[in-house]
Amino acid sequence: MLNRNWQQENIGLRSVAHLRDCYEMFYNSDGSYGGILKKESANDVTLSSISSHANPVGLLYFNKDGYSVYCKKYKEYWDWVAQRNVTRYTQNQQHGKNYDAKNMMHVFRLLMMAQEIALEQRINVRRTDREFLLAIKRGYFEYEDLLERAKAIQLKLPGLFEQSGLSPTPDIPRINDLLINIRMAYYQ
């Protein structure tokens, strides 16, 4: 269209039978066609009434499903921008490491808690590695280094759990008994 100096308003589209989202294109500068789009914000193409004697100048494929997915993701991104935690975003920009430091801190906290569960068979809420976690949150580490560390812990976990002596499945009757006893004590 650019090479021929054609305006989209002078294009006519007609559906190609049995080809989803595929259209024959026709051109006429007299304004008799409806154009590809009625308005710039349109989410679909415009079909025109075209004489059976008219010769197509090309084919147009409009990936409507792909375009819809793109529009949805575009909207979700701008919704996220509008609702994001500005302080957190600013902190991530200040440390300049190009990752979400708070999220990365939680990744390490969870990985190390999993490791502790396998080794000690308990959950340590008060963290002995607090300073390390806060250093991650402040952006003291490079992203690639953190990925390597996280991968190393992740690779060790299956072996640790195999050696832990912990049951691979929960004891459902014991859990149910505990739940019943807690509820009975609460409601008395």
N, C-alpha and C. Protein backbone atom coordinates (compact mmCIF):
# COMPACT_ATOMS: atom_id res chain seq x y z
N MET A 1 0.83 -1.18 0.00
CA MET A 1 0.00 0.00 0.00
C MET A 1 0.87 1.24 0.00
N LEU A 2 1.95 1.24 0.80
CA LEU A 2 2.84 2.40 0.83
C LEU A 2 3.51 2.61 -0.52
N ASN A 3 3.99 1.51 -1.13
CA ASN A 3 4.68 1.61 -2.42
C ASN A 3 3.76 2.14 -3.51
N ARG A 4 2.48 1.85 -3.42
CA ARG A 4 1.52 2.28 -4.43
C ARG A 4 0.78 3.56 -4.02
N ASN A 5 1.12 4.07 -2.83
CA ASN A 5 0.49 5.28 -2.31
C ASN A 5 -1.02 5.12 -2.17
N TRP A 6 -1.44 3.95 -1.71
CA TRP A 6 -2.85 3.66 -1.50
C TRP A 6 -3.25 3.99 -0.07
N GLN A 7 -4.44 4.49 0.09
CA GLN A 7 -4.99 4.78 1.41
C GLN A 7 -5.85 3.60 1.84
N GLN A 8 -5.82 3.27 3.11
CA GLN A 8 -6.58 2.12 3.59
C GLN A 8 -8.08 2.32 3.39
N GLU A 9 -8.53 3.57 3.37
CA GLU A 9 -9.95 3.87 3.20
C GLU A 9 -10.47 3.45 1.83
N ASN A 10 -9.56 3.27 0.84
CA ASN A 10 -9.95 2.90 -0.52
C ASN A 10 -9.82 1.40 -0.79
N ILE A 11 -9.55 0.64 0.24
CA ILE A 11 -9.42 -0.81 0.11
C ILE A 11 -10.77 -1.45 0.43
N GLY A 12 -11.12 -2.46 -0.34
CA GLY A 12 -12.31 -3.25 -0.05
C GLY A 12 -11.89 -4.67 0.28
N LEU A 13 -12.56 -5.28 1.23
CA LEU A 13 -12.24 -6.65 1.62
C LEU A 13 -13.45 -7.54 1.42
N ARG A 14 -13.19 -8.75 0.94
CA ARG A 14 -14.22 -9.77 0.80
C ARG A 14 -13.65 -11.08 1.35
N SER A 15 -14.42 -11.78 2.18
CA SER A 15 -13.97 -13.04 2.79
C SER A 15 -13.65 -14.07 1.72
N VAL A 16 -12.60 -14.83 1.95
CA VAL A 16 -12.26 -15.96 1.09
C VAL A 16 -12.97 -17.17 1.68
N ALA A 17 -13.76 -17.83 0.86
CA ALA A 17 -14.54 -18.98 1.34
C ALA A 17 -13.62 -20.06 1.89
N HIS A 18 -14.00 -20.60 3.03
CA HIS A 18 -13.32 -21.72 3.69
C HIS A 18 -11.92 -21.40 4.21
N LEU A 19 -11.55 -20.13 4.26
CA LEU A 19 -10.27 -19.73 4.84
C LEU A 19 -10.55 -18.69 5.92
N ARG A 20 -10.43 -19.12 7.14
CA ARG A 20 -10.74 -18.25 8.28
C ARG A 20 -9.79 -17.05 8.32
N ASP A 21 -10.35 -15.88 8.52
CA ASP A 21 -9.60 -14.63 8.66
C ASP A 21 -8.74 -14.29 7.44
N CYS A 22 -9.13 -14.78 6.28
CA CYS A 22 -8.41 -14.48 5.05
C CYS A 22 -9.36 -13.72 4.11
N TYR A 23 -8.86 -12.65 3.50
CA TYR A 23 -9.71 -11.75 2.71
C TYR A 23 -9.04 -11.41 1.39
N GLU A 24 -9.84 -11.30 0.34
CA GLU A 24 -9.36 -10.75 -0.92
C GLU A 24 -9.40 -9.23 -0.79
N MET A 25 -8.35 -8.59 -1.31
CA MET A 25 -8.27 -7.13 -1.26
C MET A 25 -8.56 -6.54 -2.64
N PHE A 26 -9.32 -5.47 -2.61
CA PHE A 26 -9.65 -4.74 -3.83
C PHE A 26 -9.34 -3.27 -3.58
N TYR A 27 -8.99 -2.57 -4.67
CA TYR A 27 -8.68 -1.14 -4.53
C TYR A 27 -9.50 -0.34 -5.53
N ASN A 28 -10.05 0.76 -5.03
CA ASN A 28 -10.77 1.71 -5.90
C ASN A 28 -10.68 3.08 -5.23
N SER A 29 -10.11 4.03 -5.92
CA SER A 29 -9.91 5.37 -5.34
C SER A 29 -11.16 6.22 -5.34
N ASP A 30 -12.28 5.71 -5.84
CA ASP A 30 -13.50 6.52 -5.89
C ASP A 30 -14.28 6.52 -4.57
N GLY A 31 -13.77 5.85 -3.54
CA GLY A 31 -14.42 5.87 -2.23
C GLY A 31 -15.59 4.91 -2.11
N SER A 32 -15.71 3.96 -3.03
CA SER A 32 -16.85 3.04 -2.99
C SER A 32 -16.65 1.89 -2.01
N TYR A 33 -15.43 1.71 -1.52
CA TYR A 33 -15.17 0.63 -0.56
C TYR A 33 -15.12 1.18 0.85
N GLY A 34 -15.29 0.30 1.82
CA GLY A 34 -15.36 0.72 3.22
C GLY A 34 -14.03 0.84 3.94
N GLY A 35 -12.95 0.48 3.27
CA GLY A 35 -11.65 0.52 3.93
C GLY A 35 -11.38 -0.76 4.70
N ILE A 36 -10.18 -0.90 5.18
CA ILE A 36 -9.82 -2.07 6.00
C ILE A 36 -10.40 -1.91 7.39
N LEU A 37 -10.32 -0.70 7.92
CA LEU A 37 -10.85 -0.39 9.25
C LEU A 37 -11.81 0.78 9.16
N LYS A 38 -12.88 0.72 9.93
CA LYS A 38 -13.81 1.86 9.98
C LYS A 38 -13.20 3.01 10.77
N LYS A 39 -12.54 2.65 11.88
CA LYS A 39 -11.87 3.66 12.71
C LYS A 39 -10.60 3.03 13.29
N GLU A 40 -9.69 3.86 13.73
CA GLU A 40 -8.39 3.39 14.20
C GLU A 40 -8.48 2.43 15.38
N SER A 41 -9.49 2.59 16.22
CA SER A 41 -9.62 1.75 17.41
C SER A 41 -10.39 0.45 17.15
N ALA A 42 -10.70 0.15 15.89
CA ALA A 42 -11.48 -1.05 15.55
C ALA A 42 -10.71 -2.32 15.89
N ASN A 43 -11.45 -3.34 16.29
CA ASN A 43 -10.85 -4.64 16.62
C ASN A 43 -11.09 -5.68 15.54
N ASP A 44 -11.68 -5.28 14.44
CA ASP A 44 -11.94 -6.22 13.36
C ASP A 44 -11.88 -5.45 12.04
N VAL A 45 -11.69 -6.19 10.95
CA VAL A 45 -11.65 -5.57 9.64
C VAL A 45 -13.07 -5.28 9.16
N THR A 46 -13.18 -4.44 8.15
CA THR A 46 -14.47 -4.07 7.57
C THR A 46 -14.62 -4.77 6.22
N LEU A 47 -15.75 -5.39 6.00
CA LEU A 47 -16.02 -6.01 4.70
C LEU A 47 -16.79 -5.02 3.84
N SER A 48 -16.55 -5.08 2.54
CA SER A 48 -17.22 -4.18 1.60
C SER A 48 -18.06 -4.98 0.62
N SER A 49 -19.02 -4.32 0.03
CA SER A 49 -19.81 -4.91 -1.05
C SER A 49 -19.00 -4.75 -2.32
N ILE A 50 -18.66 -5.86 -2.94
CA ILE A 50 -17.73 -5.83 -4.08
C ILE A 50 -18.37 -6.56 -5.26
N SER A 51 -18.29 -5.96 -6.42
CA SER A 51 -18.83 -6.55 -7.64
C SER A 51 -18.15 -7.88 -7.93
N SER A 52 -18.91 -8.80 -8.47
CA SER A 52 -18.35 -10.12 -8.81
C SER A 52 -17.36 -10.02 -9.96
N HIS A 53 -17.36 -8.89 -10.70
CA HIS A 53 -16.44 -8.70 -11.83
C HIS A 53 -15.12 -8.05 -11.40
N ALA A 54 -15.05 -7.58 -10.17
CA ALA A 54 -13.83 -6.89 -9.71
C ALA A 54 -12.69 -7.89 -9.53
N ASN A 55 -11.47 -7.43 -9.82
CA ASN A 55 -10.29 -8.29 -9.69
C ASN A 55 -9.53 -7.94 -8.41
N PRO A 56 -9.22 -8.95 -7.61
CA PRO A 56 -8.47 -8.67 -6.38
C PRO A 56 -7.05 -8.22 -6.68
N VAL A 57 -6.53 -7.35 -5.79
CA VAL A 57 -5.15 -6.87 -5.94
C VAL A 57 -4.22 -7.56 -4.94
N GLY A 58 -4.79 -8.36 -4.06
CA GLY A 58 -3.96 -9.06 -3.08
C GLY A 58 -4.82 -9.80 -2.08
N LEU A 59 -4.15 -10.44 -1.14
CA LEU A 59 -4.81 -11.15 -0.05
C LEU A 59 -4.38 -10.53 1.27
N LEU A 60 -5.30 -10.53 2.20
CA LEU A 60 -5.00 -10.03 3.54
C LEU A 60 -5.35 -11.13 4.54
N TYR A 61 -4.41 -11.45 5.39
CA TYR A 61 -4.69 -12.38 6.48
C TYR A 61 -4.66 -11.58 7.77
N PHE A 62 -5.74 -11.63 8.52
CA PHE A 62 -5.83 -10.92 9.79
C PHE A 62 -5.91 -11.96 10.90
N ASN A 63 -4.84 -12.10 11.65
CA ASN A 63 -4.78 -13.06 12.76
C ASN A 63 -5.57 -12.48 13.93
N LYS A 64 -6.86 -12.63 13.86
CA LYS A 64 -7.74 -12.02 14.86
C LYS A 64 -7.48 -12.56 16.25
N ASP A 65 -7.27 -13.88 16.36
CA ASP A 65 -7.00 -14.47 17.67
C ASP A 65 -5.70 -13.93 18.26
N GLY A 66 -4.67 -13.87 17.44
CA GLY A 66 -3.39 -13.35 17.90
C GLY A 66 -3.49 -11.89 18.30
N TYR A 67 -4.24 -11.12 17.52
CA TYR A 67 -4.44 -9.71 17.83
C TYR A 67 -5.20 -9.54 19.14
N SER A 68 -6.20 -10.38 19.37
CA SER A 68 -6.97 -10.32 20.62
C SER A 68 -6.08 -10.62 21.82
N VAL A 69 -5.22 -11.64 21.68
CA VAL A 69 -4.29 -11.97 22.77
C VAL A 69 -3.34 -10.80 23.02
N TYR A 70 -2.83 -10.21 21.95
CA TYR A 70 -1.94 -9.06 22.08
C TYR A 70 -2.64 -7.92 22.82
N CYS A 71 -3.88 -7.62 22.43
CA CYS A 71 -4.63 -6.52 23.07
C CYS A 71 -4.84 -6.81 24.55
N LYS A 72 -5.14 -8.06 24.87
CA LYS A 72 -5.35 -8.43 26.27
C LYS A 72 -4.07 -8.24 27.07
N LYS A 73 -2.94 -8.72 26.53
CA LYS A 73 -1.67 -8.58 27.24
C LYS A 73 -1.25 -7.11 27.35
N TYR A 74 -1.51 -6.33 26.33
CA TYR A 74 -1.21 -4.91 26.35
C TYR A 74 -1.99 -4.23 27.47
N LYS A 75 -3.29 -4.53 27.56
CA LYS A 75 -4.13 -3.96 28.62
C LYS A 75 -3.65 -4.41 29.99
N GLU A 76 -3.34 -5.71 30.14
CA GLU A 76 -2.85 -6.21 31.42
C GLU A 76 -1.57 -5.51 31.83
N TYR A 77 -0.66 -5.26 30.88
CA TYR A 77 0.58 -4.57 31.19
C TYR A 77 0.31 -3.17 31.72
N TRP A 78 -0.55 -2.42 31.04
CA TRP A 78 -0.81 -1.04 31.47
C TRP A 78 -1.62 -1.00 32.76
N ASP A 79 -2.46 -2.01 33.00
CA ASP A 79 -3.14 -2.12 34.29
C ASP A 79 -2.11 -2.35 35.40
N TRP A 80 -1.14 -3.23 35.10
CA TRP A 80 -0.07 -3.50 36.07
C TRP A 80 0.74 -2.22 36.34
N VAL A 81 1.07 -1.48 35.29
CA VAL A 81 1.83 -0.23 35.46
C VAL A 81 1.06 0.72 36.37
N ALA A 82 -0.25 0.83 36.15
CA ALA A 82 -1.06 1.75 36.94
C ALA A 82 -1.18 1.30 38.40
N GLN A 83 -1.12 0.00 38.65
CA GLN A 83 -1.36 -0.52 40.00
C GLN A 83 -0.09 -0.97 40.72
N ARG A 84 1.04 -0.92 40.04
CA ARG A 84 2.26 -1.44 40.67
C ARG A 84 2.65 -0.61 41.89
N ASN A 85 3.43 -1.24 42.72
CA ASN A 85 3.97 -0.59 43.91
C ASN A 85 5.11 0.32 43.44
N VAL A 86 4.87 1.60 43.40
CA VAL A 86 5.83 2.56 42.85
C VAL A 86 7.13 2.55 43.65
N THR A 87 7.02 2.42 44.97
CA THR A 87 8.23 2.39 45.80
C THR A 87 9.09 1.18 45.45
N ARG A 88 8.45 0.03 45.33
CA ARG A 88 9.18 -1.19 44.98
C ARG A 88 9.81 -1.06 43.60
N TYR A 89 9.06 -0.53 42.64
CA TYR A 89 9.58 -0.35 41.29
C TYR A 89 10.79 0.59 41.31
N THR A 90 10.69 1.67 42.07
CA THR A 90 11.78 2.64 42.17
C THR A 90 13.02 2.00 42.79
N GLN A 91 12.81 1.20 43.83
CA GLN A 91 13.95 0.52 44.47
C GLN A 91 14.64 -0.42 43.48
N ASN A 92 13.86 -1.14 42.70
CA ASN A 92 14.44 -2.04 41.70
C ASN A 92 15.20 -1.27 40.65
N GLN A 93 14.70 -0.10 40.28
CA GLN A 93 15.41 0.72 39.31
C GLN A 93 16.71 1.28 39.90
N GLN A 94 16.68 1.64 41.19
CA GLN A 94 17.85 2.23 41.84
C GLN A 94 19.00 1.25 41.94
N HIS A 95 18.70 -0.01 42.29
CA HIS A 95 19.83 -0.94 42.40
C HIS A 95 20.34 -1.37 41.04
N GLY A 96 19.56 -1.16 39.98
CA GLY A 96 20.04 -1.34 38.62
C GLY A 96 20.40 -2.75 38.21
N LYS A 97 19.92 -3.75 38.93
CA LYS A 97 20.28 -5.13 38.61
C LYS A 97 19.28 -5.78 37.65
N ASN A 98 18.22 -5.07 37.33
CA ASN A 98 17.23 -5.52 36.36
C ASN A 98 16.50 -6.79 36.77
N TYR A 99 16.16 -6.89 38.05
CA TYR A 99 15.29 -7.95 38.54
C TYR A 99 14.50 -7.44 39.73
N ASP A 100 13.40 -8.13 40.02
CA ASP A 100 12.55 -7.77 41.15
C ASP A 100 13.21 -8.34 42.41
N ALA A 101 13.85 -7.47 43.16
CA ALA A 101 14.67 -7.90 44.30
C ALA A 101 13.83 -8.53 45.40
N LYS A 102 12.66 -8.01 45.67
CA LYS A 102 11.82 -8.57 46.73
C LYS A 102 11.36 -9.98 46.33
N ASN A 103 10.97 -10.14 45.09
CA ASN A 103 10.57 -11.46 44.61
C ASN A 103 11.73 -12.44 44.72
N MET A 104 12.92 -12.01 44.32
CA MET A 104 14.10 -12.88 44.38
C MET A 104 14.43 -13.25 45.82
N MET A 105 14.26 -12.31 46.74
CA MET A 105 14.49 -12.61 48.15
C MET A 105 13.56 -13.73 48.61
N HIS A 106 12.29 -13.65 48.22
CA HIS A 106 11.34 -14.69 48.62
C HIS A 106 11.65 -16.04 47.96
N VAL A 107 12.16 -16.02 46.75
CA VAL A 107 12.59 -17.27 46.10
C VAL A 107 13.63 -17.95 46.97
N PHE A 108 14.63 -17.20 47.41
CA PHE A 108 15.68 -17.79 48.24
C PHE A 108 15.17 -18.20 49.61
N ARG A 109 14.29 -17.41 50.20
CA ARG A 109 13.72 -17.78 51.50
C ARG A 109 13.00 -19.12 51.39
N LEU A 110 12.20 -19.28 50.35
CA LEU A 110 11.44 -20.53 50.18
C LEU A 110 12.36 -21.71 49.87
N LEU A 111 13.36 -21.50 49.03
CA LEU A 111 14.30 -22.58 48.73
C LEU A 111 15.06 -23.02 49.98
N MET A 112 15.49 -22.05 50.78
CA MET A 112 16.25 -22.39 51.98
C MET A 112 15.34 -23.01 53.05
N MET A 113 14.09 -22.60 53.09
CA MET A 113 13.15 -23.24 54.02
C MET A 113 12.90 -24.69 53.61
N ALA A 114 12.79 -24.93 52.32
CA ALA A 114 12.62 -26.31 51.84
C ALA A 114 13.83 -27.15 52.22
N GLN A 115 15.00 -26.58 52.07
CA GLN A 115 16.24 -27.27 52.44
C GLN A 115 16.24 -27.58 53.94
N GLU A 116 15.83 -26.64 54.77
CA GLU A 116 15.77 -26.84 56.21
C GLU A 116 14.74 -27.90 56.60
N ILE A 117 13.61 -27.92 55.91
CA ILE A 117 12.59 -28.94 56.18
C ILE A 117 13.18 -30.32 55.93
N ALA A 118 13.91 -30.46 54.84
CA ALA A 118 14.52 -31.76 54.52
C ALA A 118 15.59 -32.14 55.54
N LEU A 119 16.40 -31.18 55.97
CA LEU A 119 17.51 -31.48 56.88
C LEU A 119 17.09 -31.57 58.34
N GLU A 120 16.17 -30.67 58.77
CA GLU A 120 15.83 -30.57 60.19
C GLU A 120 14.41 -31.05 60.50
N GLN A 121 13.61 -31.33 59.48
CA GLN A 121 12.21 -31.75 59.62
C GLN A 121 11.38 -30.74 60.45
N ARG A 122 11.65 -29.48 60.23
CA ARG A 122 10.86 -28.44 60.88
C ARG A 122 10.96 -27.16 60.06
N ILE A 123 10.05 -26.23 60.37
CA ILE A 123 10.02 -24.95 59.68
C ILE A 123 10.58 -23.89 60.61
N ASN A 124 11.61 -23.20 60.16
CA ASN A 124 12.22 -22.11 60.93
C ASN A 124 11.67 -20.79 60.42
N VAL A 125 10.76 -20.21 61.20
CA VAL A 125 10.17 -18.94 60.80
C VAL A 125 11.16 -17.81 61.01
N ARG A 126 11.82 -17.79 62.14
CA ARG A 126 12.86 -16.78 62.39
C ARG A 126 14.09 -17.18 61.60
N ARG A 127 14.47 -16.31 60.69
CA ARG A 127 15.51 -16.64 59.73
C ARG A 127 16.91 -16.37 60.28
N THR A 128 17.76 -17.37 60.19
CA THR A 128 19.17 -17.18 60.55
C THR A 128 19.94 -16.55 59.40
N ASP A 129 19.35 -16.57 58.21
CA ASP A 129 19.98 -16.01 57.02
C ASP A 129 19.37 -14.66 56.64
N ARG A 130 18.85 -13.96 57.63
CA ARG A 130 18.15 -12.70 57.41
C ARG A 130 19.00 -11.68 56.66
N GLU A 131 20.25 -11.53 57.05
CA GLU A 131 21.12 -10.52 56.40
C GLU A 131 21.35 -10.85 54.93
N PHE A 132 21.52 -12.12 54.62
CA PHE A 132 21.69 -12.53 53.22
C PHE A 132 20.43 -12.20 52.43
N LEU A 133 19.26 -12.50 53.00
CA LEU A 133 17.99 -12.22 52.31
C LEU A 133 17.80 -10.71 52.11
N LEU A 134 18.14 -9.92 53.12
CA LEU A 134 18.02 -8.46 52.97
C LEU A 134 19.02 -7.91 51.94
N ALA A 135 20.18 -8.55 51.86
CA ALA A 135 21.16 -8.12 50.84
C ALA A 135 20.62 -8.38 49.44
N ILE A 136 19.90 -9.50 49.26
CA ILE A 136 19.26 -9.76 47.97
C ILE A 136 18.22 -8.68 47.70
N LYS A 137 17.41 -8.37 48.70
CA LYS A 137 16.35 -7.38 48.55
C LYS A 137 16.92 -6.00 48.20
N ARG A 138 18.11 -5.70 48.71
CA ARG A 138 18.74 -4.40 48.42
C ARG A 138 19.44 -4.39 47.06
N GLY A 139 19.50 -5.56 46.40
CA GLY A 139 20.11 -5.62 45.07
C GLY A 139 21.62 -5.71 45.08
N TYR A 140 22.20 -6.33 46.11
CA TYR A 140 23.65 -6.43 46.19
C TYR A 140 24.25 -7.49 45.27
N PHE A 141 23.42 -8.37 44.74
CA PHE A 141 23.93 -9.48 43.94
C PHE A 141 23.53 -9.33 42.48
N GLU A 142 24.34 -9.89 41.62
CA GLU A 142 24.02 -9.90 40.19
C GLU A 142 22.98 -10.98 39.93
N TYR A 143 22.11 -10.73 38.97
CA TYR A 143 21.02 -11.64 38.64
C TYR A 143 21.52 -13.04 38.29
N GLU A 144 22.53 -13.12 37.44
CA GLU A 144 23.07 -14.42 37.00
C GLU A 144 23.63 -15.21 38.19
N ASP A 145 24.29 -14.52 39.12
CA ASP A 145 24.82 -15.20 40.30
C ASP A 145 23.70 -15.78 41.15
N LEU A 146 22.63 -15.03 41.31
CA LEU A 146 21.50 -15.52 42.09
C LEU A 146 20.83 -16.71 41.40
N LEU A 147 20.73 -16.66 40.08
CA LEU A 147 20.15 -17.79 39.36
C LEU A 147 20.98 -19.05 39.56
N GLU A 148 22.30 -18.91 39.50
CA GLU A 148 23.18 -20.07 39.71
C GLU A 148 23.01 -20.63 41.12
N ARG A 149 22.97 -19.76 42.13
CA ARG A 149 22.78 -20.21 43.51
C ARG A 149 21.43 -20.91 43.69
N ALA A 150 20.39 -20.31 43.15
CA ALA A 150 19.05 -20.89 43.28
C ALA A 150 19.00 -22.25 42.60
N LYS A 151 19.60 -22.36 41.43
CA LYS A 151 19.61 -23.64 40.70
C LYS A 151 20.37 -24.70 41.50
N ALA A 152 21.46 -24.33 42.14
CA ALA A 152 22.24 -25.28 42.94
C ALA A 152 21.40 -25.82 44.10
N ILE A 153 20.68 -24.94 44.78
CA ILE A 153 19.82 -25.38 45.90
C ILE A 153 18.70 -26.27 45.36
N GLN A 154 18.11 -25.85 44.27
CA GLN A 154 17.00 -26.60 43.67
C GLN A 154 17.45 -28.01 43.28
N LEU A 155 18.64 -28.16 42.74
CA LEU A 155 19.13 -29.47 42.33
C LEU A 155 19.43 -30.38 43.53
N LYS A 156 19.78 -29.79 44.67
CA LYS A 156 20.06 -30.58 45.88
C LYS A 156 18.81 -31.08 46.57
N LEU A 157 17.69 -30.38 46.42
CA LEU A 157 16.49 -30.69 47.19
C LEU A 157 15.97 -32.12 47.04
N PRO A 158 15.86 -32.68 45.84
CA PRO A 158 15.33 -34.06 45.75
C PRO A 158 16.16 -35.06 46.56
N GLY A 159 17.46 -34.95 46.49
CA GLY A 159 18.34 -35.85 47.25
C GLY A 159 18.18 -35.65 48.75
N LEU A 160 18.07 -34.41 49.18
CA LEU A 160 17.88 -34.12 50.60
C LEU A 160 16.58 -34.72 51.12
N PHE A 161 15.52 -34.60 50.34
CA PHE A 161 14.24 -35.15 50.78
C PHE A 161 14.24 -36.68 50.77
N GLU A 162 14.98 -37.29 49.83
CA GLU A 162 15.09 -38.75 49.83
C GLU A 162 15.78 -39.24 51.09
N GLN A 163 16.78 -38.52 51.56
CA GLN A 163 17.55 -38.91 52.75
C GLN A 163 16.90 -38.43 54.05
N SER A 164 15.86 -37.62 53.97
CA SER A 164 15.31 -36.97 55.15
C SER A 164 14.54 -37.89 56.07
N GLY A 165 14.01 -38.98 55.54
CA GLY A 165 13.16 -39.83 56.36
C GLY A 165 11.72 -39.34 56.43
N LEU A 166 11.44 -38.23 55.78
CA LEU A 166 10.07 -37.73 55.74
C LEU A 166 9.24 -38.58 54.78
N SER A 167 7.98 -38.76 55.12
CA SER A 167 7.09 -39.52 54.26
C SER A 167 6.86 -38.75 52.96
N PRO A 168 6.85 -39.44 51.84
CA PRO A 168 6.62 -38.73 50.57
C PRO A 168 5.18 -38.25 50.40
N THR A 169 4.26 -38.81 51.20
CA THR A 169 2.85 -38.39 51.13
C THR A 169 2.38 -38.01 52.53
N PRO A 170 1.42 -37.13 52.63
CA PRO A 170 0.91 -36.73 53.96
C PRO A 170 0.11 -37.85 54.62
N ASP A 171 0.09 -37.84 55.94
CA ASP A 171 -0.69 -38.81 56.72
C ASP A 171 -2.11 -38.22 56.88
N ILE A 172 -2.98 -38.52 55.93
CA ILE A 172 -4.32 -37.92 55.88
C ILE A 172 -5.13 -38.21 57.15
N PRO A 173 -5.20 -39.45 57.66
CA PRO A 173 -5.98 -39.67 58.89
C PRO A 173 -5.47 -38.83 60.07
N ARG A 174 -4.16 -38.72 60.20
CA ARG A 174 -3.58 -37.92 61.29
C ARG A 174 -3.93 -36.44 61.12
N ILE A 175 -3.87 -35.95 59.89
CA ILE A 175 -4.20 -34.55 59.61
C ILE A 175 -5.67 -34.30 59.93
N ASN A 176 -6.54 -35.21 59.51
CA ASN A 176 -7.97 -35.05 59.79
C ASN A 176 -8.26 -35.06 61.29
N ASP A 177 -7.61 -35.96 62.03
CA ASP A 177 -7.78 -35.99 63.48
C ASP A 177 -7.33 -34.68 64.12
N LEU A 178 -6.19 -34.17 63.67
CA LEU A 178 -5.69 -32.90 64.18
C LEU A 178 -6.68 -31.77 63.90
N LEU A 179 -7.21 -31.73 62.69
CA LEU A 179 -8.16 -30.69 62.31
C LEU A 179 -9.43 -30.79 63.17
N ILE A 180 -9.93 -31.98 63.36
CA ILE A 180 -11.13 -32.16 64.19
C ILE A 180 -10.87 -31.71 65.62
N ASN A 181 -9.74 -32.10 66.18
CA ASN A 181 -9.41 -31.70 67.56
C ASN A 181 -9.26 -30.18 67.69
N ILE A 182 -8.66 -29.54 66.70
CA ILE A 182 -8.51 -28.08 66.73
C ILE A 182 -9.87 -27.41 66.68
N ARG A 183 -10.75 -27.88 65.80
CA ARG A 183 -12.09 -27.29 65.70
C ARG A 183 -12.91 -27.53 66.97
N MET A 184 -12.81 -28.72 67.52
CA MET A 184 -13.57 -29.01 68.75
C MET A 184 -13.10 -28.11 69.88
N ALA A 185 -11.77 -27.92 69.99
CA ALA A 185 -11.24 -27.06 71.04
C ALA A 185 -11.66 -25.60 70.81
N TYR A 186 -11.71 -25.19 69.56
CA TYR A 186 -12.10 -23.80 69.24
C TYR A 186 -13.55 -23.54 69.59
N TYR A 187 -14.43 -24.47 69.27
CA TYR A 187 -15.87 -24.27 69.47
C TYR A 187 -16.36 -24.57 70.90
N GLN A 188 -15.49 -25.07 71.76
CA GLN A 188 -15.93 -25.34 73.15
C GLN A 188 -15.85 -24.11 74.02
